[in-house]
Amino acid sequence: MNTRNLLFVDLETTGLSAHWNEITEAAWILSSPDGKVVLAGGSVQVVVDHPERLSPEAQKINGFDALTHNTRIGTWGKNALAAKIASISEGTCLAGHGVNFDESFLSELLRTENYTPKWHYQSVDTQKLAWPLFLKGRIDGVSLKHLVKYFNLGDQGAVHNALNDITLTREVFLKLIELYSAAIP
């Protein structure tokens, strides 16, 4: 039996490159290995040092506003986020929707802030878990939006935010595990 807790993570960023762009928002849910019991969670806005690197695509997706972002009360610095992620992720399996993207940004953040990623090398990705549904024509794509619609979990909204996305990702994970568990004798 797997005893590694899952750390569901979702990030909003200023673009697609972990080496060039920055995290603008992070959310996490630490759960039991089966995802059913929430052990901890949180969501923070993160200080952006180079708002000029914001890609038009990222701005459209997450609604980032460079004029007001860094002045929001409670915005975390990069080192505070790195310290938090380092402390809660040790020994966990990262989980998410397209989690390799988030892992690349978290790995780069920890590296630049002098932390070492200590999460397990295996991860859980709801996007990949959804592939059989896509192949069978049950969903039109493997985006979080498609899965939220398929499982009737509400509305992802027009603009992404990390907390909403990670909450929905965990709910999708639970539905996928339920679906696959019923098919496995």
C-alpha atoms as a PDB file:
ATOM      1  CA  MET A   1       0.000   0.000   0.000  1.00  0.00           C
ATOM      2  CA  ASN A   2       1.253   3.463  -0.864  1.00  0.00           C
ATOM      3  CA  THR A   3       1.932   5.553   2.210  1.00  0.00           C
ATOM      4  CA  ARG A   4       3.170   8.702   0.479  1.00  0.00           C
ATOM      5  CA  ASN A   5       0.919  11.689   0.917  1.00  0.00           C
ATOM      6  CA  LEU A   6      -0.072  13.599  -2.207  1.00  0.00           C
ATOM      7  CA  LEU A   7       0.766  17.275  -2.590  1.00  0.00           C
ATOM      8  CA  PHE A   8      -1.631  18.725  -5.140  1.00  0.00           C
ATOM      9  CA  VAL A   9      -0.049  21.890  -6.571  1.00  0.00           C
ATOM     10  CA  ASP A  10      -1.128  24.507  -9.052  1.00  0.00           C
ATOM     11  CA  LEU A  11       0.733  27.612 -10.119  1.00  0.00           C
ATOM     12  CA  GLU A  12      -0.128  30.644 -12.143  1.00  0.00           C
ATOM     13  CA  THR A  13       2.871  32.149 -13.918  1.00  0.00           C
ATOM     14  CA  THR A  14       3.951  34.964 -16.219  1.00  0.00           C
ATOM     15  CA  GLY A  15       4.694  32.482 -19.011  1.00  0.00           C
ATOM     16  CA  LEU A  16       5.799  28.981 -19.913  1.00  0.00           C
ATOM     17  CA  SER A  17       9.543  29.035 -19.139  1.00  0.00           C
ATOM     18  CA  ALA A  18      10.566  28.125 -15.591  1.00  0.00           C
ATOM     19  CA  HIS A  19      13.960  29.728 -16.247  1.00  0.00           C
ATOM     20  CA  TRP A  20      12.621  33.052 -17.564  1.00  0.00           C
ATOM     21  CA  ASN A  21       9.092  33.539 -16.235  1.00  0.00           C
ATOM     22  CA  GLU A  22       7.895  33.743 -12.639  1.00  0.00           C
ATOM     23  CA  ILE A  23       5.265  32.290 -10.348  1.00  0.00           C
ATOM     24  CA  THR A  24       2.486  34.801  -9.649  1.00  0.00           C
ATOM     25  CA  GLU A  25       0.258  32.573  -7.525  1.00  0.00           C
ATOM     26  CA  ALA A  26       0.619  29.186  -5.847  1.00  0.00           C
ATOM     27  CA  ALA A  27      -1.929  26.873  -4.247  1.00  0.00           C
ATOM     28  CA  TRP A  28      -1.498  23.498  -2.623  1.00  0.00           C
ATOM     29  CA  ILE A  29      -3.524  20.787  -0.948  1.00  0.00           C
ATOM     30  CA  LEU A  30      -1.678  18.159   1.070  1.00  0.00           C
ATOM     31  CA  SER A  31      -3.744  14.995   1.257  1.00  0.00           C
ATOM     32  CA  SER A  32      -3.630  11.376   2.287  1.00  0.00           C
ATOM     33  CA  PRO A  33      -2.285   8.947  -0.357  1.00  0.00           C
ATOM     34  CA  ASP A  34      -5.807   8.294  -1.657  1.00  0.00           C
ATOM     35  CA  GLY A  35      -6.573  12.025  -1.854  1.00  0.00           C
ATOM     36  CA  LYS A  36      -9.614  11.708   0.397  1.00  0.00           C
ATOM     37  CA  VAL A  37      -8.319  13.358   3.587  1.00  0.00           C
ATOM     38  CA  VAL A  38      -7.068  16.940   3.378  1.00  0.00           C
ATOM     39  CA  LEU A  39      -4.165  17.445   5.769  1.00  0.00           C
ATOM     40  CA  ALA A  40      -3.259  21.045   4.899  1.00  0.00           C
ATOM     41  CA  GLY A  41      -3.665  23.596   2.177  1.00  0.00           C
ATOM     42  CA  GLY A  42      -3.010  27.136   1.193  1.00  0.00           C
ATOM     43  CA  SER A  43      -2.894  29.737  -1.535  1.00  0.00           C
ATOM     44  CA  VAL A  44      -0.645  32.777  -1.915  1.00  0.00           C
ATOM     45  CA  GLN A  45       0.138  35.559  -4.335  1.00  0.00           C
ATOM     46  CA  VAL A  46       3.879  35.760  -5.040  1.00  0.00           C
ATOM     47  CA  VAL A  47       5.969  38.888  -5.629  1.00  0.00           C
ATOM     48  CA  VAL A  48       6.926  39.258  -9.300  1.00  0.00           C
ATOM     49  CA  ASP A  49      10.310  40.861  -9.957  1.00  0.00           C
ATOM     50  CA  HIS A  50       9.994  41.084 -13.751  1.00  0.00           C
ATOM     51  CA  PRO A  51       6.414  41.883 -14.764  1.00  0.00           C
ATOM     52  CA  GLU A  52       7.721  42.946 -18.174  1.00  0.00           C
ATOM     53  CA  ARG A  53       8.246  39.234 -18.922  1.00  0.00           C
ATOM     54  CA  LEU A  54       4.505  38.568 -18.780  1.00  0.00           C
ATOM     55  CA  SER A  55       3.409  36.833 -21.957  1.00  0.00           C
ATOM     56  CA  PRO A  56       0.125  37.919 -23.544  1.00  0.00           C
ATOM     57  CA  GLU A  57      -1.088  34.299 -23.384  1.00  0.00           C
ATOM     58  CA  ALA A  58      -0.417  34.035 -19.643  1.00  0.00           C
ATOM     59  CA  GLN A  59      -2.116  37.371 -19.003  1.00  0.00           C
ATOM     60  CA  LYS A  60      -5.179  36.191 -20.891  1.00  0.00           C
ATOM     61  CA  ILE A  61      -5.296  32.893 -18.968  1.00  0.00           C
ATOM     62  CA  ASN A  62      -4.716  34.126 -15.428  1.00  0.00           C
ATOM     63  CA  GLY A  63      -5.671  37.808 -15.549  1.00  0.00           C
ATOM     64  CA  PHE A  64      -2.370  38.950 -14.023  1.00  0.00           C
ATOM     65  CA  ASP A  65      -2.306  42.707 -13.373  1.00  0.00           C
ATOM     66  CA  ALA A  66       1.259  43.984 -13.062  1.00  0.00           C
ATOM     67  CA  LEU A  67       0.097  47.357 -11.730  1.00  0.00           C
ATOM     68  CA  THR A  68      -1.568  45.998  -8.593  1.00  0.00           C
ATOM     69  CA  HIS A  69      -0.102  42.527  -8.027  1.00  0.00           C
ATOM     70  CA  ASN A  70       2.930  43.289  -5.835  1.00  0.00           C
ATOM     71  CA  THR A  71       1.041  45.791  -3.683  1.00  0.00           C
ATOM     72  CA  ARG A  72      -1.585  43.311  -2.513  1.00  0.00           C
ATOM     73  CA  ILE A  73      -1.581  42.730   1.229  1.00  0.00           C
ATOM     74  CA  GLY A  74      -0.154  39.335   2.103  1.00  0.00           C
ATOM     75  CA  THR A  75       1.871  38.843  -1.089  1.00  0.00           C
ATOM     76  CA  TRP A  76       4.720  36.413  -0.362  1.00  0.00           C
ATOM     77  CA  GLY A  77       8.329  36.707  -1.400  1.00  0.00           C
ATOM     78  CA  LYS A  78       9.944  33.888  -3.348  1.00  0.00           C
ATOM     79  CA  ASN A  79      12.006  32.669  -0.383  1.00  0.00           C
ATOM     80  CA  ALA A  80       8.919  32.360   1.826  1.00  0.00           C
ATOM     81  CA  LEU A  81       7.173  30.279  -0.835  1.00  0.00           C
ATOM     82  CA  ALA A  82      10.288  28.136  -1.365  1.00  0.00           C
ATOM     83  CA  ALA A  83      10.557  27.493   2.384  1.00  0.00           C
ATOM     84  CA  LYS A  84       6.882  26.512   2.595  1.00  0.00           C
ATOM     85  CA  ILE A  85       7.022  24.197  -0.414  1.00  0.00           C
ATOM     86  CA  ALA A  86      10.263  22.608   0.819  1.00  0.00           C
ATOM     87  CA  SER A  87       8.750  21.912   4.237  1.00  0.00           C
ATOM     88  CA  ILE A  88       5.408  20.464   3.106  1.00  0.00           C
ATOM     89  CA  SER A  89       6.636  18.510   0.075  1.00  0.00           C
ATOM     90  CA  GLU A  90       9.298  16.312   1.628  1.00  0.00           C
ATOM     91  CA  GLY A  91       8.544  12.670   0.836  1.00  0.00           C
ATOM     92  CA  THR A  92       5.267  13.438  -0.936  1.00  0.00           C
ATOM     93  CA  CYS A  93       4.233  12.669  -4.489  1.00  0.00           C
ATOM     94  CA  LEU A  94       3.376  15.827  -6.382  1.00  0.00           C
ATOM     95  CA  ALA A  95      -0.065  15.740  -7.954  1.00  0.00           C
ATOM     96  CA  GLY A  96      -1.800  18.086 -10.331  1.00  0.00           C
ATOM     97  CA  HIS A  97      -3.162  18.696 -13.782  1.00  0.00           C
ATOM     98  CA  GLY A  98      -0.182  18.907 -16.128  1.00  0.00           C
ATOM     99  CA  VAL A  99       1.939  18.645 -12.980  1.00  0.00           C
ATOM    100  CA  ASN A 100       5.248  18.547 -14.881  1.00  0.00           C
ATOM    101  CA  PHE A 101       4.745  22.254 -15.652  1.00  0.00           C
ATOM    102  CA  ASP A 102       4.255  23.095 -11.974  1.00  0.00           C
ATOM    103  CA  GLU A 103       7.125  20.841 -10.928  1.00  0.00           C
ATOM    104  CA  SER A 104       9.508  22.610 -13.316  1.00  0.00           C
ATOM    105  CA  PHE A 105       8.667  26.013 -11.789  1.00  0.00           C
ATOM    106  CA  LEU A 106       8.863  24.674  -8.218  1.00  0.00           C
ATOM    107  CA  SER A 107      12.208  22.985  -8.905  1.00  0.00           C
ATOM    108  CA  GLU A 108      13.596  26.224 -10.347  1.00  0.00           C
ATOM    109  CA  LEU A 109      12.214  28.251  -7.425  1.00  0.00           C
ATOM    110  CA  LEU A 110      13.775  25.922  -4.861  1.00  0.00           C
ATOM    111  CA  ARG A 111      17.087  25.891  -6.735  1.00  0.00           C
ATOM    112  CA  THR A 112      17.312  29.689  -6.950  1.00  0.00           C
ATOM    113  CA  GLU A 113      16.344  30.059  -3.268  1.00  0.00           C
ATOM    114  CA  ASN A 114      18.919  27.434  -2.165  1.00  0.00           C
ATOM    115  CA  TYR A 115      16.536  24.631  -1.285  1.00  0.00           C
ATOM    116  CA  THR A 116      16.572  21.087  -2.583  1.00  0.00           C
ATOM    117  CA  PRO A 117      13.375  19.445  -3.832  1.00  0.00           C
ATOM    118  CA  LYS A 118      12.717  16.438  -1.615  1.00  0.00           C
ATOM    119  CA  TRP A 119       9.466  15.220  -3.071  1.00  0.00           C
ATOM    120  CA  HIS A 120       9.353  11.698  -4.485  1.00  0.00           C
ATOM    121  CA  TYR A 121      10.314  11.250  -8.134  1.00  0.00           C
ATOM    122  CA  GLN A 122       6.912   9.780  -9.005  1.00  0.00           C
ATOM    123  CA  SER A 123       3.970  12.103  -9.541  1.00  0.00           C
ATOM    124  CA  VAL A 124       0.248  11.860 -10.239  1.00  0.00           C
ATOM    125  CA  ASP A 125      -1.171  13.759 -13.207  1.00  0.00           C
ATOM    126  CA  THR A 126      -4.918  13.986 -13.761  1.00  0.00           C
ATOM    127  CA  GLN A 127      -4.333  15.045 -17.360  1.00  0.00           C
ATOM    128  CA  LYS A 128      -2.591  11.733 -18.047  1.00  0.00           C
ATOM    129  CA  LEU A 129      -5.114   9.764 -16.005  1.00  0.00           C
ATOM    130  CA  ALA A 130      -7.862  11.188 -18.236  1.00  0.00           C
ATOM    131  CA  TRP A 131      -6.336   9.902 -21.491  1.00  0.00           C
ATOM    132  CA  PRO A 132      -8.424   6.674 -21.619  1.00  0.00           C
ATOM    133  CA  LEU A 133     -11.609   8.769 -21.375  1.00  0.00           C
ATOM    134  CA  PHE A 134     -10.409  10.876 -24.287  1.00  0.00           C
ATOM    135  CA  LEU A 135      -9.495   7.815 -26.387  1.00  0.00           C
ATOM    136  CA  LYS A 136     -12.952   6.330 -25.807  1.00  0.00           C
ATOM    137  CA  GLY A 137     -14.623   9.609 -26.875  1.00  0.00           C
ATOM    138  CA  ARG A 138     -16.140  10.270 -23.450  1.00  0.00           C
ATOM    139  CA  ILE A 139     -14.429  13.688 -23.240  1.00  0.00           C
ATOM    140  CA  ASP A 140     -13.472  16.139 -26.006  1.00  0.00           C
ATOM    141  CA  GLY A 141     -10.033  16.875 -24.541  1.00  0.00           C
ATOM    142  CA  VAL A 142      -7.951  16.348 -21.426  1.00  0.00           C
ATOM    143  CA  SER A 143      -8.014  19.926 -20.157  1.00  0.00           C
ATOM    144  CA  LEU A 144      -9.210  20.577 -16.625  1.00  0.00           C
ATOM    145  CA  LYS A 145     -12.213  22.362 -18.114  1.00  0.00           C
ATOM    146  CA  HIS A 146     -13.232  19.211 -20.017  1.00  0.00           C
ATOM    147  CA  LEU A 147     -12.889  17.027 -16.934  1.00  0.00           C
ATOM    148  CA  VAL A 148     -14.776  19.433 -14.677  1.00  0.00           C
ATOM    149  CA  LYS A 149     -17.617  19.395 -17.206  1.00  0.00           C
ATOM    150  CA  TYR A 150     -17.531  15.597 -17.611  1.00  0.00           C
ATOM    151  CA  PHE A 151     -17.719  14.985 -13.866  1.00  0.00           C
ATOM    152  CA  ASN A 152     -20.254  17.812 -13.372  1.00  0.00           C
ATOM    153  CA  LEU A 153     -18.093  19.581 -10.781  1.00  0.00           C
ATOM    154  CA  GLY A 154     -19.240  23.122 -11.502  1.00  0.00           C
ATOM    155  CA  ASP A 155     -17.460  25.798 -13.486  1.00  0.00           C
ATOM    156  CA  GLN A 156     -13.734  26.431 -13.706  1.00  0.00           C
ATOM    157  CA  GLY A 157     -14.414  30.074 -14.533  1.00  0.00           C
ATOM    158  CA  ALA A 158     -13.100  32.247 -17.320  1.00  0.00           C
ATOM    159  CA  VAL A 159      -9.901  33.253 -15.525  1.00  0.00           C
ATOM    160  CA  HIS A 160      -7.656  30.695 -13.863  1.00  0.00           C
ATOM    161  CA  ASN A 161      -6.695  31.063 -10.268  1.00  0.00           C
ATOM    162  CA  ALA A 162      -4.515  28.561  -8.480  1.00  0.00           C
ATOM    163  CA  LEU A 163      -6.796  27.808  -5.529  1.00  0.00           C
ATOM    164  CA  ASN A 164      -9.880  27.121  -7.647  1.00  0.00           C
ATOM    165  CA  ASP A 165      -7.869  25.046 -10.112  1.00  0.00           C
ATOM    166  CA  ILE A 166      -6.177  22.897  -7.458  1.00  0.00           C
ATOM    167  CA  THR A 167      -9.452  22.334  -5.628  1.00  0.00           C
ATOM    168  CA  LEU A 168     -11.063  21.163  -8.864  1.00  0.00           C
ATOM    169  CA  THR A 169      -7.998  19.075  -9.750  1.00  0.00           C
ATOM    170  CA  ARG A 170      -8.268  17.150  -6.481  1.00  0.00           C
ATOM    171  CA  GLU A 171     -11.995  16.617  -7.081  1.00  0.00           C
ATOM    172  CA  VAL A 172     -11.253  15.345 -10.608  1.00  0.00           C
ATOM    173  CA  PHE A 173      -8.581  13.036  -9.166  1.00  0.00           C
ATOM    174  CA  LEU A 174     -11.106  11.566  -6.710  1.00  0.00           C
ATOM    175  CA  LYS A 175     -13.624  11.011  -9.524  1.00  0.00           C
ATOM    176  CA  LEU A 176     -11.010   9.380 -11.760  1.00  0.00           C
ATOM    177  CA  ILE A 177      -9.864   7.065  -8.965  1.00  0.00           C
ATOM    178  CA  GLU A 178     -13.479   6.163  -8.228  1.00  0.00           C
ATOM    179  CA  LEU A 179     -14.087   5.439 -11.913  1.00  0.00           C
ATOM    180  CA  TYR A 180     -10.968   3.303 -12.314  1.00  0.00           C
ATOM    181  CA  SER A 181     -11.405   1.519  -8.990  1.00  0.00           C
ATOM    182  CA  ALA A 182     -14.828   0.326 -10.113  1.00  0.00           C
ATOM    183  CA  ALA A 183     -13.223  -1.170 -13.233  1.00  0.00           C
ATOM    184  CA  ILE A 184     -10.428  -2.974 -11.380  1.00  0.00           C
ATOM    185  CA  PRO A 185     -11.530  -6.215  -9.669  1.00  0.00           C
END
